[in-house]
Amino acid sequence: MTIETEYRATDATGVEIHLNQPAERIVCLTATGIDALAELGLEPIGYLAQGIADRPEFFGDRAQQFTSIGSWMLPNLKAIRNL
């Protein structure tokens, strides 16, 4: 017998996202998201340059490994896709 697990989330616009397995790589586009990730013990691979991911109280020196994907006003969509 095979048990399939589906992961679901609904965003603020009401769009439901379905994943067959947990996400392994997270690109964070908001400061609130960085705070939530830190509280959950998760780390983004990408973040907005004008965000808070690189502040030492969130991820310490590990933040140097994260990739900046632009600013809130001009995110680099190609960099987001590549990550």
C-alpha atoms as a PDB file:
ATOM      1  CA  MET A   1       0.000   0.000   0.000  1.00  0.00           C
ATOM      2  CA  THR A   2       1.363   3.406  -0.967  1.00  0.00           C
ATOM      3  CA  ILE A   3       0.378   6.481   0.994  1.00  0.00           C
ATOM      4  CA  GLU A   4       0.757   9.698  -0.950  1.00  0.00           C
ATOM      5  CA  THR A   5       1.170  12.870   1.043  1.00  0.00           C
ATOM      6  CA  GLU A   6       0.155  16.163  -0.469  1.00  0.00           C
ATOM      7  CA  TYR A   7       1.288  19.465   0.944  1.00  0.00           C
ATOM      8  CA  ARG A   8      -1.086  22.385   0.505  1.00  0.00           C
ATOM      9  CA  ALA A   9      -0.958  26.073   1.274  1.00  0.00           C
ATOM     10  CA  THR A  10      -3.295  28.933   0.456  1.00  0.00           C
ATOM     11  CA  ASP A  11      -1.789  32.357  -0.164  1.00  0.00           C
ATOM     12  CA  ALA A  12      -3.262  35.736   0.770  1.00  0.00           C
ATOM     13  CA  THR A  13      -5.082  35.966  -2.577  1.00  0.00           C
ATOM     14  CA  GLY A  14      -6.835  32.644  -2.020  1.00  0.00           C
ATOM     15  CA  VAL A  15      -4.718  30.677  -4.497  1.00  0.00           C
ATOM     16  CA  GLU A  16      -4.106  27.140  -3.275  1.00  0.00           C
ATOM     17  CA  ILE A  17      -0.684  25.607  -3.929  1.00  0.00           C
ATOM     18  CA  HIS A  18      -0.238  21.830  -4.017  1.00  0.00           C
ATOM     19  CA  LEU A  19       3.132  20.113  -3.573  1.00  0.00           C
ATOM     20  CA  ASN A  20       3.803  16.380  -3.688  1.00  0.00           C
ATOM     21  CA  GLN A  21       6.690  16.748  -1.249  1.00  0.00           C
ATOM     22  CA  PRO A  22       7.922  19.440   1.134  1.00  0.00           C
ATOM     23  CA  ALA A  23       9.713  22.394  -0.415  1.00  0.00           C
ATOM     24  CA  GLU A  24      13.490  22.026  -0.204  1.00  0.00           C
ATOM     25  CA  ARG A  25      14.523  25.518  -1.336  1.00  0.00           C
ATOM     26  CA  ILE A  26      12.871  28.764  -0.224  1.00  0.00           C
ATOM     27  CA  VAL A  27      13.244  32.217  -1.751  1.00  0.00           C
ATOM     28  CA  CYS A  28      11.801  34.791   0.635  1.00  0.00           C
ATOM     29  CA  LEU A  29      10.282  38.001  -0.745  1.00  0.00           C
ATOM     30  CA  THR A  30       9.193  39.681   2.508  1.00  0.00           C
ATOM     31  CA  ALA A  31      10.697  40.690   5.851  1.00  0.00           C
ATOM     32  CA  THR A  32       7.787  38.973   7.598  1.00  0.00           C
ATOM     33  CA  GLY A  33       8.684  35.775   5.767  1.00  0.00           C
ATOM     34  CA  ILE A  34      12.297  35.975   6.987  1.00  0.00           C
ATOM     35  CA  ASP A  35      11.063  36.324  10.559  1.00  0.00           C
ATOM     36  CA  ALA A  36       8.701  33.355  10.140  1.00  0.00           C
ATOM     37  CA  LEU A  37      11.443  31.202   8.606  1.00  0.00           C
ATOM     38  CA  ALA A  38      13.806  32.022  11.468  1.00  0.00           C
ATOM     39  CA  GLU A  39      11.137  31.114  14.026  1.00  0.00           C
ATOM     40  CA  LEU A  40      10.553  27.793  12.248  1.00  0.00           C
ATOM     41  CA  GLY A  41      14.269  27.019  12.083  1.00  0.00           C
ATOM     42  CA  LEU A  42      14.300  27.279   8.265  1.00  0.00           C
ATOM     43  CA  GLU A  43      16.625  29.299   6.045  1.00  0.00           C
ATOM     44  CA  PRO A  44      16.014  30.897   2.652  1.00  0.00           C
ATOM     45  CA  ILE A  45      18.383  30.390  -0.251  1.00  0.00           C
ATOM     46  CA  GLY A  46      17.418  33.795  -1.620  1.00  0.00           C
ATOM     47  CA  TYR A  47      16.149  37.051  -0.146  1.00  0.00           C
ATOM     48  CA  LEU A  48      15.491  40.679  -1.031  1.00  0.00           C
ATOM     49  CA  ALA A  49      18.602  42.853  -0.678  1.00  0.00           C
ATOM     50  CA  GLN A  50      16.804  45.500   1.356  1.00  0.00           C
ATOM     51  CA  GLY A  51      15.370  42.906   3.716  1.00  0.00           C
ATOM     52  CA  ILE A  52      16.494  41.675   7.083  1.00  0.00           C
ATOM     53  CA  ALA A  53      17.898  38.228   6.258  1.00  0.00           C
ATOM     54  CA  ASP A  54      21.476  39.415   6.630  1.00  0.00           C
ATOM     55  CA  ARG A  55      20.991  40.789  10.148  1.00  0.00           C
ATOM     56  CA  PRO A  56      22.955  38.656  12.617  1.00  0.00           C
ATOM     57  CA  GLU A  57      20.030  38.171  14.994  1.00  0.00           C
ATOM     58  CA  PHE A  58      18.209  36.077  12.374  1.00  0.00           C
ATOM     59  CA  PHE A  59      20.743  33.768  10.751  1.00  0.00           C
ATOM     60  CA  GLY A  60      24.181  34.930  11.940  1.00  0.00           C
ATOM     61  CA  ASP A  61      27.095  34.246   9.604  1.00  0.00           C
ATOM     62  CA  ARG A  62      25.031  31.710   7.637  1.00  0.00           C
ATOM     63  CA  ALA A  63      23.282  34.639   5.914  1.00  0.00           C
ATOM     64  CA  GLN A  64      26.428  35.132   3.824  1.00  0.00           C
ATOM     65  CA  GLN A  65      25.416  31.964   1.942  1.00  0.00           C
ATOM     66  CA  PHE A  66      22.034  33.396   0.893  1.00  0.00           C
ATOM     67  CA  THR A  67      21.645  34.975  -2.542  1.00  0.00           C
ATOM     68  CA  SER A  68      20.247  38.473  -2.955  1.00  0.00           C
ATOM     69  CA  ILE A  69      17.507  38.446  -5.578  1.00  0.00           C
ATOM     70  CA  GLY A  70      17.035  42.187  -5.992  1.00  0.00           C
ATOM     71  CA  SER A  71      14.831  44.665  -4.210  1.00  0.00           C
ATOM     72  CA  TRP A  72      11.143  44.747  -3.329  1.00  0.00           C
ATOM     73  CA  MET A  73      10.487  47.207  -6.148  1.00  0.00           C
ATOM     74  CA  LEU A  74      12.650  45.332  -8.679  1.00  0.00           C
ATOM     75  CA  PRO A  75      13.076  41.638  -7.863  1.00  0.00           C
ATOM     76  CA  ASN A  76      15.292  39.710 -10.280  1.00  0.00           C
ATOM     77  CA  LEU A  77      12.851  37.136 -11.655  1.00  0.00           C
ATOM     78  CA  LYS A  78      15.604  35.252 -13.473  1.00  0.00           C
ATOM     79  CA  ALA A  79      17.599  34.904 -10.230  1.00  0.00           C
ATOM     80  CA  ILE A  80      14.464  33.709  -8.402  1.00  0.00           C
ATOM     81  CA  ARG A  81      13.768  31.105 -11.098  1.00  0.00           C
ATOM     82  CA  ASN A  82      17.393  29.931 -11.085  1.00  0.00           C
ATOM     83  CA  LEU A  83      17.390  29.414  -7.331  1.00  0.00           C
END
